[in-house]
C-alpha atoms as a PDB file:
ATOM      1  CA  MET A   1     -44.206 -53.381  -8.466  1.00  0.00           C
ATOM      2  CA  PRO A   2     -41.608 -55.560  -6.676  1.00  0.00           C
ATOM      3  CA  GLY A   3     -38.037 -54.934  -7.719  1.00  0.00           C
ATOM      4  CA  LYS A   4     -38.641 -51.568  -9.426  1.00  0.00           C
ATOM      5  CA  ARG A   5     -36.171 -48.758  -8.625  1.00  0.00           C
ATOM      6  CA  ASP A   6     -36.347 -44.964  -8.455  1.00  0.00           C
ATOM      7  CA  THR A   7     -40.130 -44.643  -8.480  1.00  0.00           C
ATOM      8  CA  LYS A   8     -41.238 -41.131  -7.590  1.00  0.00           C
ATOM      9  CA  GLY A   9     -44.147 -40.616  -5.232  1.00  0.00           C
ATOM     10  CA  GLU A  10     -46.433 -37.612  -4.904  1.00  0.00           C
ATOM     11  CA  GLY A  11     -44.674 -34.289  -5.298  1.00  0.00           C
ATOM     12  CA  GLY A  12     -41.689 -35.885  -7.038  1.00  0.00           C
ATOM     13  CA  LYS A  13     -40.313 -37.437  -3.835  1.00  0.00           C
ATOM     14  CA  ARG A  14     -39.008 -40.963  -4.031  1.00  0.00           C
ATOM     15  CA  ALA A  15     -41.459 -43.401  -2.478  1.00  0.00           C
ATOM     16  CA  VAL A  16     -40.294 -45.278   0.605  1.00  0.00           C
ATOM     17  CA  ARG A  17     -39.609 -48.942  -0.079  1.00  0.00           C
ATOM     18  CA  LEU A  18     -40.658 -51.828   2.119  1.00  0.00           C
ATOM     19  CA  TYR A  19     -38.193 -54.726   2.137  1.00  0.00           C
ATOM     20  CA  SER A  20     -39.028 -58.302   3.128  1.00  0.00           C
ATOM     21  CA  LEU A  21     -35.903 -60.007   4.425  1.00  0.00           C
ATOM     22  CA  GLU A  22     -35.577 -63.663   5.360  1.00  0.00           C
ATOM     23  CA  VAL A  23     -33.123 -64.050   8.254  1.00  0.00           C
ATOM     24  CA  LYS A  24     -31.962 -67.640   8.646  1.00  0.00           C
ATOM     25  CA  LEU A  25     -29.752 -68.870  11.482  1.00  0.00           C
ATOM     26  CA  ILE A  26     -26.962 -70.825   9.782  1.00  0.00           C
ATOM     27  CA  ASP A  27     -24.444 -71.387  12.587  1.00  0.00           C
ATOM     28  CA  GLY A  28     -23.987 -70.853  16.304  1.00  0.00           C
ATOM     29  CA  PRO A  29     -23.762 -72.652  19.635  1.00  0.00           C
ATOM     30  CA  VAL A  30     -27.137 -74.394  19.327  1.00  0.00           C
ATOM     31  CA  ALA A  31     -27.484 -77.496  21.501  1.00  0.00           C
ATOM     32  CA  GLU A  32     -27.736 -80.666  19.389  1.00  0.00           C
ATOM     33  CA  ALA A  33     -31.078 -81.761  20.900  1.00  0.00           C
ATOM     34  CA  PHE A  34     -32.565 -78.310  20.222  1.00  0.00           C
ATOM     35  CA  ALA A  35     -31.294 -78.317  16.618  1.00  0.00           C
ATOM     36  CA  GLU A  36     -32.822 -81.748  15.976  1.00  0.00           C
ATOM     37  CA  LYS A  37     -36.247 -80.444  17.023  1.00  0.00           C
ATOM     38  CA  ASN A  38     -35.723 -77.168  15.094  1.00  0.00           C
ATOM     39  CA  PRO A  39     -33.795 -77.999  11.913  1.00  0.00           C
ATOM     40  CA  GLU A  40     -34.614 -74.572  10.448  1.00  0.00           C
ATOM     41  CA  MET A  41     -34.747 -71.344  12.413  1.00  0.00           C
ATOM     42  CA  SER A  42     -35.684 -68.288  10.383  1.00  0.00           C
ATOM     43  CA  ARG A  43     -37.652 -65.068  10.589  1.00  0.00           C
ATOM     44  CA  THR A  44     -39.075 -62.826   7.886  1.00  0.00           C
ATOM     45  CA  ILE A  45     -38.627 -59.184   8.802  1.00  0.00           C
ATOM     46  CA  GLN A  46     -40.111 -56.211   6.970  1.00  0.00           C
ATOM     47  CA  MET A  47     -38.089 -52.991   7.022  1.00  0.00           C
ATOM     48  CA  ARG A  48     -38.475 -49.577   5.484  1.00  0.00           C
ATOM     49  CA  GLY A  49     -35.691 -48.571   3.126  1.00  0.00           C
ATOM     50  CA  ASN A  50     -34.855 -45.515   5.217  1.00  0.00           C
ATOM     51  CA  GLN A  51     -34.095 -47.663   8.268  1.00  0.00           C
ATOM     52  CA  THR A  52     -30.506 -48.589   9.149  1.00  0.00           C
ATOM     53  CA  LEU A  53     -28.546 -51.786   9.568  1.00  0.00           C
ATOM     54  CA  ALA A  54     -28.468 -50.974  13.297  1.00  0.00           C
ATOM     55  CA  GLN A  55     -32.282 -51.131  13.275  1.00  0.00           C
ATOM     56  CA  LEU A  56     -32.112 -54.429  11.379  1.00  0.00           C
ATOM     57  CA  HIS A  57     -29.799 -55.750  14.107  1.00  0.00           C
ATOM     58  CA  GLU A  58     -32.347 -54.726  16.766  1.00  0.00           C
ATOM     59  CA  ALA A  59     -35.122 -56.477  14.841  1.00  0.00           C
ATOM     60  CA  ILE A  60     -33.081 -59.697  14.511  1.00  0.00           C
ATOM     61  CA  PHE A  61     -32.066 -59.511  18.187  1.00  0.00           C
ATOM     62  CA  ASP A  62     -35.738 -59.277  19.213  1.00  0.00           C
ATOM     63  CA  ALA A  63     -36.991 -61.781  16.625  1.00  0.00           C
ATOM     64  CA  PHE A  64     -34.623 -64.461  17.957  1.00  0.00           C
ATOM     65  CA  ASP A  65     -35.517 -63.637  21.600  1.00  0.00           C
ATOM     66  CA  ARG A  66     -32.017 -62.625  22.627  1.00  0.00           C
ATOM     67  CA  ASP A  67     -31.445 -60.700  25.832  1.00  0.00           C
ATOM     68  CA  ASP A  68     -27.722 -59.968  26.083  1.00  0.00           C
ATOM     69  CA  GLU A  69     -26.228 -57.429  23.654  1.00  0.00           C
ATOM     70  CA  HIS A  70     -22.893 -58.119  21.966  1.00  0.00           C
ATOM     71  CA  MET A  71     -20.888 -56.678  19.099  1.00  0.00           C
ATOM     72  CA  TYR A  72     -22.050 -57.467  15.576  1.00  0.00           C
ATOM     73  CA  GLU A  73     -21.466 -56.625  11.946  1.00  0.00           C
ATOM     74  CA  PHE A  74     -22.979 -57.207   8.518  1.00  0.00           C
ATOM     75  CA  GLN A  75     -20.892 -58.733   5.731  1.00  0.00           C
ATOM     76  CA  PHE A  76     -21.518 -58.665   1.990  1.00  0.00           C
ATOM     77  CA  GLY A  77     -19.397 -61.452   0.537  1.00  0.00           C
ATOM     78  CA  LYS A  78     -19.678 -64.918  -0.962  1.00  0.00           C
ATOM     79  CA  GLU A  79     -19.699 -66.562   2.485  1.00  0.00           C
ATOM     80  CA  PRO A  80     -19.212 -65.632   6.143  1.00  0.00           C
ATOM     81  CA  MET A  81     -15.740 -64.203   6.811  1.00  0.00           C
ATOM     82  CA  ASP A  82     -15.023 -63.723   3.092  1.00  0.00           C
ATOM     83  CA  PRO A  83     -11.812 -61.628   3.153  1.00  0.00           C
ATOM     84  CA  LYS A  84     -13.149 -59.580   0.217  1.00  0.00           C
ATOM     85  CA  ALA A  85     -16.542 -58.897   1.862  1.00  0.00           C
ATOM     86  CA  ARG A  86     -17.849 -55.383   2.352  1.00  0.00           C
ATOM     87  CA  ARG A  87     -18.215 -54.989   6.119  1.00  0.00           C
ATOM     88  CA  TYR A  88     -20.584 -52.674   7.962  1.00  0.00           C
ATOM     89  CA  VAL A  89     -19.520 -52.228  11.568  1.00  0.00           C
ATOM     90  CA  LEU A  90     -20.381 -50.513  14.845  1.00  0.00           C
ATOM     91  CA  PRO A  91     -18.962 -46.986  15.257  1.00  0.00           C
ATOM     92  CA  MET A  92     -16.567 -48.131  17.993  1.00  0.00           C
ATOM     93  CA  ASP A  93     -15.264 -50.931  15.699  1.00  0.00           C
ATOM     94  CA  SER A  94     -14.505 -48.676  12.738  1.00  0.00           C
ATOM     95  CA  GLY A  95     -10.766 -48.452  13.325  1.00  0.00           C
ATOM     96  CA  TYR A  96      -8.493 -50.223  10.853  1.00  0.00           C
ATOM     97  CA  ILE A  97      -4.827 -51.053  10.521  1.00  0.00           C
ATOM     98  CA  PHE A  98      -4.433 -51.512   6.766  1.00  0.00           C
ATOM     99  CA  ASP A  99      -6.477 -50.057   3.906  1.00  0.00           C
ATOM    100  CA  GLU A 100      -7.927 -53.501   3.135  1.00  0.00           C
ATOM    101  CA  ASP A 101      -9.349 -53.571   6.702  1.00  0.00           C
ATOM    102  CA  ARG A 102     -11.323 -50.383   6.131  1.00  0.00           C
ATOM    103  CA  PRO A 103     -15.032 -51.055   6.690  1.00  0.00           C
ATOM    104  CA  ALA A 104     -17.520 -50.157   3.959  1.00  0.00           C
ATOM    105  CA  GLY A 105     -19.635 -48.220   6.428  1.00  0.00           C
ATOM    106  CA  LEU A 106     -21.195 -47.880   9.842  1.00  0.00           C
ATOM    107  CA  VAL A 107     -24.355 -49.782  10.790  1.00  0.00           C
ATOM    108  CA  THR A 108     -25.753 -46.614  12.374  1.00  0.00           C
ATOM    109  CA  LYS A 109     -25.538 -44.636   9.125  1.00  0.00           C
ATOM    110  CA  THR A 110     -26.127 -47.265   6.425  1.00  0.00           C
ATOM    111  CA  THR A 111     -29.747 -47.523   5.289  1.00  0.00           C
ATOM    112  CA  ILE A 112     -31.308 -50.563   3.690  1.00  0.00           C
ATOM    113  CA  ASP A 113     -32.007 -48.496   0.531  1.00  0.00           C
ATOM    114  CA  SER A 114     -28.336 -47.514   0.240  1.00  0.00           C
ATOM    115  CA  LEU A 115     -27.338 -51.188  -0.095  1.00  0.00           C
ATOM    116  CA  ARG A 116     -29.157 -51.419  -3.452  1.00  0.00           C
ATOM    117  CA  LEU A 117     -30.151 -55.029  -2.823  1.00  0.00           C
ATOM    118  CA  LYS A 118     -31.613 -57.167  -5.573  1.00  0.00           C
ATOM    119  CA  PRO A 119     -34.288 -59.829  -4.950  1.00  0.00           C
ATOM    120  CA  LYS A 120     -32.754 -63.153  -3.835  1.00  0.00           C
ATOM    121  CA  GLU A 121     -29.465 -61.420  -2.965  1.00  0.00           C
ATOM    122  CA  SER A 122     -27.985 -62.593   0.344  1.00  0.00           C
ATOM    123  CA  PHE A 123     -25.601 -61.166   2.914  1.00  0.00           C
ATOM    124  CA  TYR A 124     -24.504 -62.148   6.414  1.00  0.00           C
ATOM    125  CA  TYR A 125     -25.046 -60.959   9.970  1.00  0.00           C
ATOM    126  CA  TRP A 126     -22.475 -61.962  12.588  1.00  0.00           C
ATOM    127  CA  PHE A 127     -23.611 -61.557  16.193  1.00  0.00           C
ATOM    128  CA  ASP A 128     -21.429 -62.102  19.284  1.00  0.00           C
ATOM    129  CA  PHE A 129     -17.837 -62.409  18.125  1.00  0.00           C
ATOM    130  CA  GLY A 130     -17.144 -65.010  20.843  1.00  0.00           C
ATOM    131  CA  ASP A 131     -20.091 -67.387  20.349  1.00  0.00           C
ATOM    132  CA  ASP A 132     -20.291 -66.640  16.609  1.00  0.00           C
ATOM    133  CA  TRP A 133     -23.984 -66.633  15.765  1.00  0.00           C
ATOM    134  CA  TRP A 134     -24.182 -66.460  11.938  1.00  0.00           C
ATOM    135  CA  HIS A 135     -27.296 -65.544   9.973  1.00  0.00           C
ATOM    136  CA  GLN A 136     -27.874 -65.442   6.240  1.00  0.00           C
ATOM    137  CA  ILE A 137     -30.169 -62.601   5.194  1.00  0.00           C
ATOM    138  CA  THR A 138     -31.917 -62.851   1.817  1.00  0.00           C
ATOM    139  CA  LEU A 139     -33.987 -60.145   0.182  1.00  0.00           C
ATOM    140  CA  LEU A 140     -37.288 -61.798  -0.724  1.00  0.00           C
ATOM    141  CA  GLU A 141     -38.810 -58.693  -2.335  1.00  0.00           C
ATOM    142  CA  PHE A 142     -39.355 -54.988  -1.985  1.00  0.00           C
ATOM    143  CA  VAL A 143     -42.342 -52.841  -2.828  1.00  0.00           C
ATOM    144  CA  GLU A 144     -42.845 -49.091  -3.124  1.00  0.00           C
ATOM    145  CA  ALA A 145     -44.843 -47.017  -0.635  1.00  0.00           C
ATOM    146  CA  PRO A 146     -45.316 -49.387   2.306  1.00  0.00           C
ATOM    147  CA  PRO A 147     -48.483 -49.207   4.362  1.00  0.00           C
ATOM    148  CA  LYS A 148     -48.388 -47.070   7.483  1.00  0.00           C
ATOM    149  CA  GLY A 149     -47.348 -48.787  10.655  1.00  0.00           C
ATOM    150  CA  VAL A 150     -44.395 -49.564  12.844  1.00  0.00           C
ATOM    151  CA  TYR A 151     -41.338 -51.111  11.223  1.00  0.00           C
ATOM    152  CA  PRO A 152     -39.336 -53.244  11.429  1.00  0.00           C
ATOM    153  CA  ARG A 153     -41.812 -56.038  12.037  1.00  0.00           C
ATOM    154  CA  VAL A 154     -41.620 -59.823  12.025  1.00  0.00           C
ATOM    155  CA  THR A 155     -44.141 -61.317   9.610  1.00  0.00           C
ATOM    156  CA  HIS A 156     -43.177 -65.005   9.675  1.00  0.00           C
ATOM    157  CA  ARG A 157     -41.374 -67.379  12.057  1.00  0.00           C
ATOM    158  CA  VAL A 158     -39.985 -70.845  11.393  1.00  0.00           C
ATOM    159  CA  GLY A 159     -38.677 -72.854  14.355  1.00  0.00           C
ATOM    160  CA  ARG A 160     -38.254 -71.808  17.949  1.00  0.00           C
ATOM    161  CA  SER A 161     -35.531 -69.389  18.989  1.00  0.00           C
ATOM    162  CA  PRO A 162     -32.488 -71.138  20.420  1.00  0.00           C
ATOM    163  CA  PRO A 163     -31.334 -70.067  23.865  1.00  0.00           C
ATOM    164  CA  GLN A 164     -28.634 -67.413  23.550  1.00  0.00           C
ATOM    165  CA  TYR A 165     -26.486 -69.392  25.982  1.00  0.00           C
ATOM    166  CA  PRO A 166     -27.406 -73.063  25.596  1.00  0.00           C
ATOM    167  CA  ASN A 167     -26.976 -75.364  28.546  1.00  0.00           C
ATOM    168  CA  VAL A 168     -24.203 -77.824  27.672  1.00  0.00           C
ATOM    169  CA  ASP A 169     -26.173 -80.634  29.387  1.00  0.00           C
ATOM    170  CA  GLU A 170     -29.172 -80.322  27.020  1.00  0.00           C
END
């Protein structure tokens, strides 16, 4: 049943959840002509609850046809760059100066299950701290005991992927 928590599977083990996440590109250096032809660019990605935010990053990176890795983080706030947001960062970016700068966790160790997302809840993914690609991620639903197969997987695409480095003449 979608949205149900703490269901036990066979042998008393908690069943693995399958999350459907809508990842929508909300800001970035998209050429104007490209954006006019693709007013919405989103992907639906299914992930197992025991997979990490680092694996979600890889899925988004592939789903939007990117080819050049950059730093990234996930933010759980009211909007991108919310100063009160919980931030999940790369291990090399986990240093902090003041207590309020302390990240909530590392993307390599934080699982989707551990976030305790509720349906329709959104958070943000910031890719490439120079070009500032911003994505809003919304939990569409989760179900217990996903079918066997390889995850994460893209199940739906809207719009073409913008070039990672758009030509300014386009």
